[in-house]
Amino acid sequence: VQLVESGGGLVQAGGSLRLSCAASGFTFDDYAIGWFRQAPGKEREGISSISPSHGYTRTYYRDSVQGRFTISRDSAKNTVYLQMNNLKPEDTAVYYCVTWDPLNEWSVIAGANDADFWGQGTQVTVSS
């Protein structure tokens, strides 16, 4: 399993960024994919996830990003995106793309505090 994030950077408050997660080494459509973040001095937190590509698509958002972030996936490119709008200084963190063993039910994955596989992370910095 390999997850490679890109798209991080420095942006002013109110701005937007789109993170990408390129996946390889597994059957992409069978796996839920998510995003975690960790700010300096804080615990990591799961902020969004999207169900496998089969059937009805389900998404999860942490309350703090609901309405501002949108997760999506492109099966043709084996890529998951996190569109982040109206960014705030408190969104500053390292953002990680993650996935879970496909045997896990969505009820376990949505809002999970941990994941089975992690990317290397990409830094997002929001200036005030």
Protein backbone atom coordinates (compact mmCIF):
# COMPACT_ATOMS: atom_id res chain seq x y z
CA VAL A 1 0.00 0.00 0.00
CA GLN A 2 1.41 3.37 -0.99
CA LEU A 3 -0.22 6.73 -0.44
CA VAL A 4 1.46 9.90 -1.67
CA GLU A 5 0.06 13.29 -0.74
CA SER A 6 0.61 16.53 -2.62
CA GLY A 7 -0.88 19.99 -2.82
CA GLY A 8 0.05 21.42 0.54
CA GLY A 9 1.49 24.89 0.93
CA LEU A 10 1.10 28.33 2.41
CA VAL A 11 -2.18 30.19 1.97
CA GLN A 12 -3.84 33.19 3.55
CA ALA A 13 -6.90 32.82 5.72
CA GLY A 14 -9.99 32.56 3.58
CA GLY A 15 -8.08 30.95 0.76
CA SER A 16 -8.29 27.47 -0.74
CA LEU A 17 -6.08 24.48 -1.37
CA ARG A 18 -6.69 21.10 -2.94
CA LEU A 19 -4.80 18.14 -1.57
CA SER A 20 -4.29 15.03 -3.67
CA CYS A 21 -3.56 11.49 -2.57
CA ALA A 22 -2.19 9.16 -5.22
CA ALA A 23 -2.77 5.54 -4.24
CA SER A 24 -0.99 2.44 -5.47
CA GLY A 25 -0.24 -1.11 -4.46
CA PHE A 26 -3.83 -2.12 -3.74
CA THR A 27 -7.23 -2.33 -5.41
CA PHE A 28 -8.20 1.31 -5.05
CA ASP A 29 -11.96 0.88 -5.50
CA ASP A 30 -12.17 -1.60 -2.62
CA TYR A 31 -10.73 0.72 0.02
CA ALA A 32 -12.13 3.62 1.96
CA ILE A 33 -9.72 6.55 1.96
CA GLY A 34 -9.43 9.28 4.54
CA TRP A 35 -7.55 12.35 5.67
CA PHE A 36 -6.04 12.99 9.07
CA ARG A 37 -4.16 16.02 10.28
CA GLN A 38 -1.82 16.84 13.12
CA ALA A 39 -1.06 20.34 14.30
CA PRO A 40 2.03 21.14 16.38
CA GLY A 41 1.49 20.13 19.98
CA LYS A 42 -1.87 18.55 19.26
CA GLU A 43 -3.11 15.04 18.76
CA ARG A 44 -3.82 13.87 15.27
CA GLU A 45 -7.44 13.90 14.23
CA GLY A 46 -9.41 12.31 11.45
CA ILE A 47 -11.14 15.00 9.43
CA SER A 48 -12.70 13.30 6.45
CA SER A 49 -13.18 9.94 4.76
CA ILE A 50 -14.89 8.49 1.72
CA SER A 51 -16.27 5.00 1.27
CA PRO A 52 -15.06 2.50 -1.33
CA SER A 53 -16.07 3.12 -4.91
CA HIS A 54 -18.66 0.35 -5.03
CA GLY A 55 -22.28 1.29 -4.57
CA TYR A 56 -23.53 4.35 -2.73
CA THR A 57 -20.77 6.83 -1.88
CA ARG A 58 -20.62 7.85 1.75
CA THR A 59 -18.55 10.59 3.23
CA TYR A 60 -17.61 11.71 6.71
CA TYR A 61 -16.48 15.13 7.89
CA ARG A 62 -15.35 16.27 11.26
CA ASP A 63 -17.51 19.09 12.57
CA SER A 64 -14.66 21.59 12.38
CA VAL A 65 -14.34 21.18 8.59
CA GLN A 66 -17.94 20.38 7.66
CA GLY A 67 -19.14 22.79 4.98
CA ARG A 68 -15.62 23.95 4.10
CA PHE A 69 -13.85 20.75 3.00
CA THR A 70 -14.98 18.31 0.32
CA ILE A 71 -13.56 14.85 -0.24
CA SER A 72 -13.82 13.06 -3.58
CA ARG A 73 -12.22 10.17 -5.41
CA ASP A 74 -11.34 9.45 -9.03
CA SER A 75 -11.11 5.75 -9.80
CA ALA A 76 -9.57 6.37 -13.23
CA LYS A 77 -6.62 8.10 -11.55
CA ASN A 78 -6.52 6.15 -8.28
CA THR A 79 -6.57 9.48 -6.53
CA VAL A 80 -8.49 11.03 -3.67
CA TYR A 81 -8.84 14.77 -3.33
CA LEU A 82 -9.55 17.05 -0.40
CA GLN A 83 -10.80 20.45 -1.51
CA MET A 84 -10.30 22.90 1.33
CA ASN A 85 -12.08 26.25 1.16
CA ASN A 86 -12.32 29.16 3.56
CA LEU A 87 -9.18 28.02 5.30
CA LYS A 88 -8.50 29.22 8.82
CA PRO A 89 -5.24 29.53 10.79
CA GLU A 90 -6.41 26.63 12.96
CA ASP A 91 -6.34 24.41 9.87
CA THR A 92 -2.55 24.64 9.91
CA ALA A 93 -1.21 21.10 10.24
CA VAL A 94 0.45 18.21 8.49
CA TYR A 95 -2.22 16.42 6.49
CA TYR A 96 -2.03 12.68 6.00
CA CYS A 97 -3.81 10.43 3.54
CA VAL A 98 -4.83 7.14 5.09
CA THR A 99 -6.65 3.95 4.36
CA TRP A 100 -7.96 0.96 6.25
CA ASP A 101 -8.17 -2.78 5.89
CA PRO A 102 -11.18 -3.26 3.56
CA LEU A 103 -12.71 -5.72 6.06
CA ASN A 104 -13.57 -2.74 8.28
CA GLU A 105 -17.17 -1.58 8.11
CA TRP A 106 -17.93 2.03 7.22
CA SER A 107 -19.38 2.51 10.70
CA VAL A 108 -15.89 1.85 12.07
CA ILE A 109 -14.04 3.94 9.52
CA ALA A 110 -16.15 7.11 9.64
CA GLY A 111 -14.75 9.18 12.46
CA ALA A 112 -12.02 6.66 13.26
CA ASN A 113 -9.11 7.80 15.44
CA ASP A 114 -6.56 5.69 13.64
CA ALA A 115 -5.88 4.02 10.31
CA ASP A 116 -4.00 1.03 9.01
CA PHE A 117 -1.90 2.71 6.31
CA TRP A 118 -0.50 6.22 6.15
CA GLY A 119 1.10 8.51 3.63
CA GLN A 120 4.11 10.67 4.46
CA GLY A 121 2.08 13.84 4.95
CA THR A 122 1.96 17.28 3.39
CA GLN A 123 2.21 20.57 5.25
CA VAL A 124 -0.62 23.08 5.12
CA THR A 125 0.02 26.50 6.64
CA VAL A 126 -2.70 29.13 6.86
CA SER A 127 -1.57 32.64 7.71
CA SER A 128 -3.85 35.15 9.40
